[in-house]
Amino acid sequence: MDIKGGILYVVGSPIGNLDDITFRAVYILKNVNLILSEDTRETDKILQRYNIKTPQISYTDHKHDFLINEIIKNINLGYNYAIISDSGTPLISDPGFKLVNRLIKEGIKCFSIPGPSSPIAALSISGLPTDKFIFLGFLPKGTKQKEMIQKYGELDVSIIILESSHRIKKTIYLLYDALGDRMVCVCKDLTKFYENVKTKRLSYFVENIDLIKEKGEYTIIIAKKDFNLNG
């Protein structure tokens, strides 16, 4: 496998289970000059597991302006970089868009090293329609959440959102208020030891709200209007 000089590799990483990484991703991480990590402590877990000695530095959107000129200079000198997020595919609700956007403008090649993505993983086991879907990431803070959910709820698609543990209960109530009693799939800690996936109507989660644990990471799939899991 050949690695050319002067390239950024966007490397997908495990979303929980460290075994979920490709051979190619490990090879790339071992052979680039530097790894740009959303969180170096999280990346350390992968590097140690797969005996990867490549140095890394922290890269976030807040550090972009400070780092970008040095990155461009080094890539133009023939250095190879990899960017990796805390979990899953970089740029998908994670840092990296500013970097890739700027490098493309500079004529620098960016290669994808595909890997796990929690929205796709959740959708694949939800039992909800997969032919058309939209990914909204984390809902915006503030009063426009309900308006946003209702707007996208009119589309003939499944909706995928991410949510943190401390807001999950509030979001369940919000979805029920905005969309009524739709079918949803609530996924917690995909690929991890305490993975939990339930596809029910929103009323089930509202009535059993105390069973929802305020810990872990959540992905929610919302079915299109009038979809019934039982046909």
Protein backbone atom coordinates (compact mmCIF):
# COMPACT_ATOMS: atom_id res chain seq x y z
CA MET A 1 0.00 0.00 0.00
CA ASP A 2 1.62 3.22 -1.16
CA ILE A 3 1.37 6.51 0.72
CA LYS A 4 2.05 9.57 -1.39
CA GLY A 5 3.48 12.76 0.05
CA GLY A 6 1.57 15.93 0.74
CA ILE A 7 -1.84 14.51 1.64
CA LEU A 8 -4.40 14.76 4.44
CA TYR A 9 -6.05 11.46 5.35
CA VAL A 10 -9.46 11.68 7.03
CA VAL A 11 -9.48 8.53 9.15
CA GLY A 12 -12.59 6.90 10.59
CA SER A 13 -12.09 5.53 14.10
CA PRO A 14 -14.11 3.22 16.40
CA ILE A 15 -17.28 4.61 17.99
CA GLY A 16 -16.75 2.52 21.11
CA ASN A 17 -15.32 -0.91 20.48
CA LEU A 18 -11.62 -0.56 19.63
CA ASP A 19 -11.78 -3.64 17.40
CA ASP A 20 -13.89 -1.65 14.91
CA ILE A 21 -11.02 -0.12 12.98
CA THR A 22 -9.90 -1.07 9.49
CA PHE A 23 -6.50 -2.52 8.55
CA ARG A 24 -6.04 0.43 6.21
CA ALA A 25 -6.75 2.95 8.97
CA VAL A 26 -4.11 1.37 11.20
CA TYR A 27 -1.61 1.38 8.32
CA ILE A 28 -2.26 5.04 7.56
CA LEU A 29 -1.95 6.07 11.21
CA LYS A 30 1.36 4.22 11.45
CA ASN A 31 2.83 5.82 8.34
CA VAL A 32 1.77 9.47 8.29
CA ASN A 33 4.08 12.11 9.73
CA LEU A 34 1.61 13.54 12.20
CA ILE A 35 -1.89 12.82 13.55
CA LEU A 36 -4.32 15.67 14.23
CA SER A 37 -6.54 14.51 17.11
CA GLU A 38 -9.74 15.98 18.46
CA ASP A 39 -8.68 14.61 21.86
CA THR A 40 -5.19 13.16 22.20
CA ARG A 41 -6.23 11.14 25.26
CA GLU A 42 -8.87 9.29 23.26
CA THR A 43 -6.53 8.75 20.31
CA ASP A 44 -3.92 7.37 22.72
CA LYS A 45 -6.21 4.40 23.37
CA ILE A 46 -6.09 3.45 19.68
CA LEU A 47 -2.37 4.14 19.32
CA GLN A 48 -1.51 1.98 22.30
CA ARG A 49 -3.85 -0.82 21.25
CA TYR A 50 -2.29 -1.07 17.78
CA ASN A 51 1.30 -0.14 18.70
CA ILE A 52 1.25 3.05 16.65
CA LYS A 53 4.18 5.37 17.40
CA THR A 54 3.19 8.33 15.21
CA PRO A 55 3.23 11.66 17.08
CA GLN A 56 -0.02 13.55 17.48
CA ILE A 57 -1.18 17.04 18.36
CA SER A 58 -4.55 18.37 19.42
CA TYR A 59 -6.65 19.83 16.62
CA THR A 60 -10.05 21.45 17.20
CA ASP A 61 -11.97 24.17 15.40
CA HIS A 62 -10.77 26.64 18.04
CA LYS A 63 -7.13 25.84 17.18
CA HIS A 64 -7.63 25.93 13.42
CA ASP A 65 -6.41 29.48 12.81
CA PHE A 66 -3.34 28.87 14.95
CA LEU A 67 -2.35 25.64 13.18
CA ILE A 68 -3.51 25.93 9.57
CA ASN A 69 -0.56 27.80 8.05
CA GLU A 70 1.95 25.36 9.54
CA ILE A 71 -0.11 22.40 8.29
CA ILE A 72 -0.28 23.81 4.76
CA LYS A 73 3.45 24.56 4.74
CA ASN A 74 4.37 21.04 5.87
CA ILE A 75 1.98 19.30 3.47
CA ASN A 76 3.43 21.33 0.61
CA LEU A 77 6.87 20.10 1.72
CA GLY A 78 5.62 16.51 1.33
CA TYR A 79 4.46 15.70 4.86
CA ASN A 80 1.41 13.49 5.34
CA TYR A 81 -1.21 14.22 7.98
CA ALA A 82 -4.12 12.22 9.36
CA ILE A 83 -7.08 13.73 11.17
CA ILE A 84 -9.00 11.60 13.66
CA SER A 85 -11.93 12.45 15.93
CA ASP A 86 -12.93 11.12 19.34
CA SER A 87 -15.09 8.49 17.68
CA GLY A 88 -16.41 7.69 14.24
CA THR A 89 -15.77 9.62 11.05
CA PRO A 90 -14.18 13.08 11.39
CA LEU A 91 -16.20 16.15 10.32
CA ILE A 92 -19.53 14.39 11.07
CA SER A 93 -20.53 16.53 14.09
CA ASP A 94 -16.78 16.67 14.83
CA PRO A 95 -13.92 19.06 13.99
CA GLY A 96 -12.29 19.06 10.59
CA PHE A 97 -14.53 20.91 8.12
CA LYS A 98 -12.47 24.11 8.29
CA LEU A 99 -9.31 22.11 7.67
CA VAL A 100 -10.56 20.09 4.70
CA ASN A 101 -12.27 23.14 3.19
CA ARG A 102 -9.07 25.20 3.35
CA LEU A 103 -6.85 22.41 2.01
CA ILE A 104 -9.17 21.84 -0.96
CA LYS A 105 -8.97 25.57 -1.72
CA GLU A 106 -5.17 25.26 -1.60
CA GLY A 107 -5.25 22.40 -4.10
CA ILE A 108 -4.12 19.84 -1.53
CA LYS A 109 -5.46 16.30 -1.81
CA CYS A 110 -7.64 14.89 0.98
CA PHE A 111 -8.27 11.14 1.03
CA SER A 112 -11.02 9.39 3.00
CA ILE A 113 -10.15 6.29 5.02
CA PRO A 114 -13.72 5.10 5.68
CA GLY A 115 -14.75 3.75 9.04
CA PRO A 116 -17.54 3.63 11.61
CA SER A 117 -20.25 6.29 11.84
CA SER A 118 -22.81 6.19 14.65
CA PRO A 119 -25.68 7.68 12.57
CA ILE A 120 -25.35 4.95 9.92
CA ALA A 121 -24.78 2.21 12.50
CA ALA A 122 -27.93 3.26 14.38
CA LEU A 123 -30.04 3.52 11.23
CA SER A 124 -29.01 0.04 10.10
CA ILE A 125 -30.44 -1.63 13.21
CA SER A 126 -33.39 0.66 13.88
CA GLY A 127 -36.04 -1.15 11.86
CA LEU A 128 -37.07 2.25 10.50
CA PRO A 129 -36.99 3.25 6.80
CA THR A 130 -33.45 3.51 5.44
CA ASP A 131 -34.15 4.50 1.83
CA LYS A 132 -34.23 8.23 2.59
CA PHE A 133 -32.84 9.92 5.69
CA ILE A 134 -31.45 13.22 6.93
CA PHE A 135 -28.80 13.76 9.60
CA LEU A 136 -29.25 16.82 11.85
CA GLY A 137 -26.45 16.16 14.31
CA PHE A 138 -26.98 17.80 17.70
CA LEU A 139 -30.03 20.03 17.90
CA PRO A 140 -29.29 23.75 18.35
CA LYS A 141 -29.65 25.21 21.80
CA GLY A 142 -32.46 27.62 22.50
CA THR A 143 -36.07 28.07 21.48
CA LYS A 144 -35.78 27.04 17.82
CA GLN A 145 -35.46 23.33 18.53
CA LYS A 146 -39.19 22.60 18.24
CA GLU A 147 -39.52 24.67 15.06
CA MET A 148 -36.58 22.84 13.50
CA ILE A 149 -37.93 19.39 14.40
CA GLN A 150 -41.38 20.21 13.03
CA LYS A 151 -39.88 21.55 9.80
CA TYR A 152 -37.86 18.43 9.08
CA GLY A 153 -40.62 16.23 10.44
CA GLU A 154 -42.75 17.13 7.41
CA LEU A 155 -40.24 15.50 5.04
CA ASP A 156 -40.68 11.95 3.77
CA VAL A 157 -37.47 10.79 5.45
CA SER A 158 -36.12 9.25 8.62
CA ILE A 159 -34.41 11.84 10.82
CA ILE A 160 -31.17 11.11 12.69
CA ILE A 161 -30.04 13.22 15.63
CA LEU A 162 -27.36 12.93 18.28
CA GLU A 163 -27.90 13.76 21.93
CA SER A 164 -25.87 13.97 25.11
CA SER A 165 -26.81 12.07 28.24
CA HIS A 166 -27.72 15.14 30.27
CA ARG A 167 -30.23 16.36 27.63
CA ILE A 168 -31.71 13.05 26.49
CA LYS A 169 -34.85 13.18 28.64
CA LYS A 170 -35.59 16.78 27.68
CA THR A 171 -35.19 15.85 24.02
CA ILE A 172 -37.61 12.92 24.29
CA TYR A 173 -40.27 15.27 25.66
CA LEU A 174 -39.46 17.81 22.92
CA LEU A 175 -39.86 15.24 20.13
CA TYR A 176 -43.17 14.02 21.53
CA ASP A 177 -44.45 17.60 21.82
CA ALA A 178 -43.28 18.55 18.31
CA LEU A 179 -44.12 15.39 16.35
CA GLY A 180 -46.70 13.46 18.31
CA ASP A 181 -46.51 9.73 18.87
CA ARG A 182 -44.09 8.71 16.13
CA MET A 183 -41.96 5.60 15.94
CA VAL A 184 -38.41 6.24 17.11
CA CYS A 185 -35.31 4.20 17.77
CA VAL A 186 -33.22 5.27 20.75
CA CYS A 187 -29.67 3.90 20.67
CA LYS A 188 -27.33 4.17 23.63
CA ASP A 189 -23.59 3.42 23.58
CA LEU A 190 -23.45 1.64 20.23
CA THR A 191 -20.75 -1.11 20.06
CA LYS A 192 -19.96 -0.71 23.76
CA PHE A 193 -20.58 -3.18 26.59
CA TYR A 194 -23.80 -1.46 27.73
CA GLU A 195 -25.24 -0.97 24.24
CA ASN A 196 -29.00 -0.58 24.35
CA VAL A 197 -31.29 -0.19 21.32
CA LYS A 198 -35.09 0.18 21.49
CA THR A 199 -37.54 0.94 18.68
CA LYS A 200 -40.86 2.05 20.13
CA ARG A 201 -43.36 4.86 19.89
CA LEU A 202 -42.42 8.13 21.55
CA SER A 203 -45.20 7.61 24.08
CA TYR A 204 -43.37 4.52 25.37
CA PHE A 205 -40.26 6.55 26.13
CA VAL A 206 -42.28 9.37 27.70
CA GLU A 207 -44.15 6.92 29.93
CA ASN A 208 -40.90 5.17 30.87
CA ILE A 209 -38.69 8.23 31.04
CA ASP A 210 -37.13 7.13 34.34
CA LEU A 211 -35.70 4.06 32.61
CA ILE A 212 -33.58 6.25 30.34
CA LYS A 213 -30.13 6.49 31.87
CA GLU A 214 -28.52 9.91 31.97
CA LYS A 215 -25.13 8.55 31.04
CA GLY A 216 -23.51 7.42 27.80
CA GLU A 217 -24.02 8.68 24.25
CA TYR A 218 -27.31 8.62 22.34
CA THR A 219 -28.33 8.43 18.70
CA ILE A 220 -32.03 8.82 17.90
CA ILE A 221 -33.77 7.80 14.66
CA ILE A 222 -37.20 9.36 14.08
CA ALA A 223 -39.50 7.69 11.57
CA LYS A 224 -41.35 9.63 8.92
CA LYS A 225 -44.96 10.57 9.60
CA ASP A 226 -47.49 7.69 9.67
CA PHE A 227 -44.81 4.96 9.61
CA ASN A 228 -45.78 1.90 11.68
CA LEU A 229 -43.18 -0.73 12.52
CA ASN A 230 -45.86 -3.43 12.32
CA GLY A 231 -47.01 -2.39 8.85
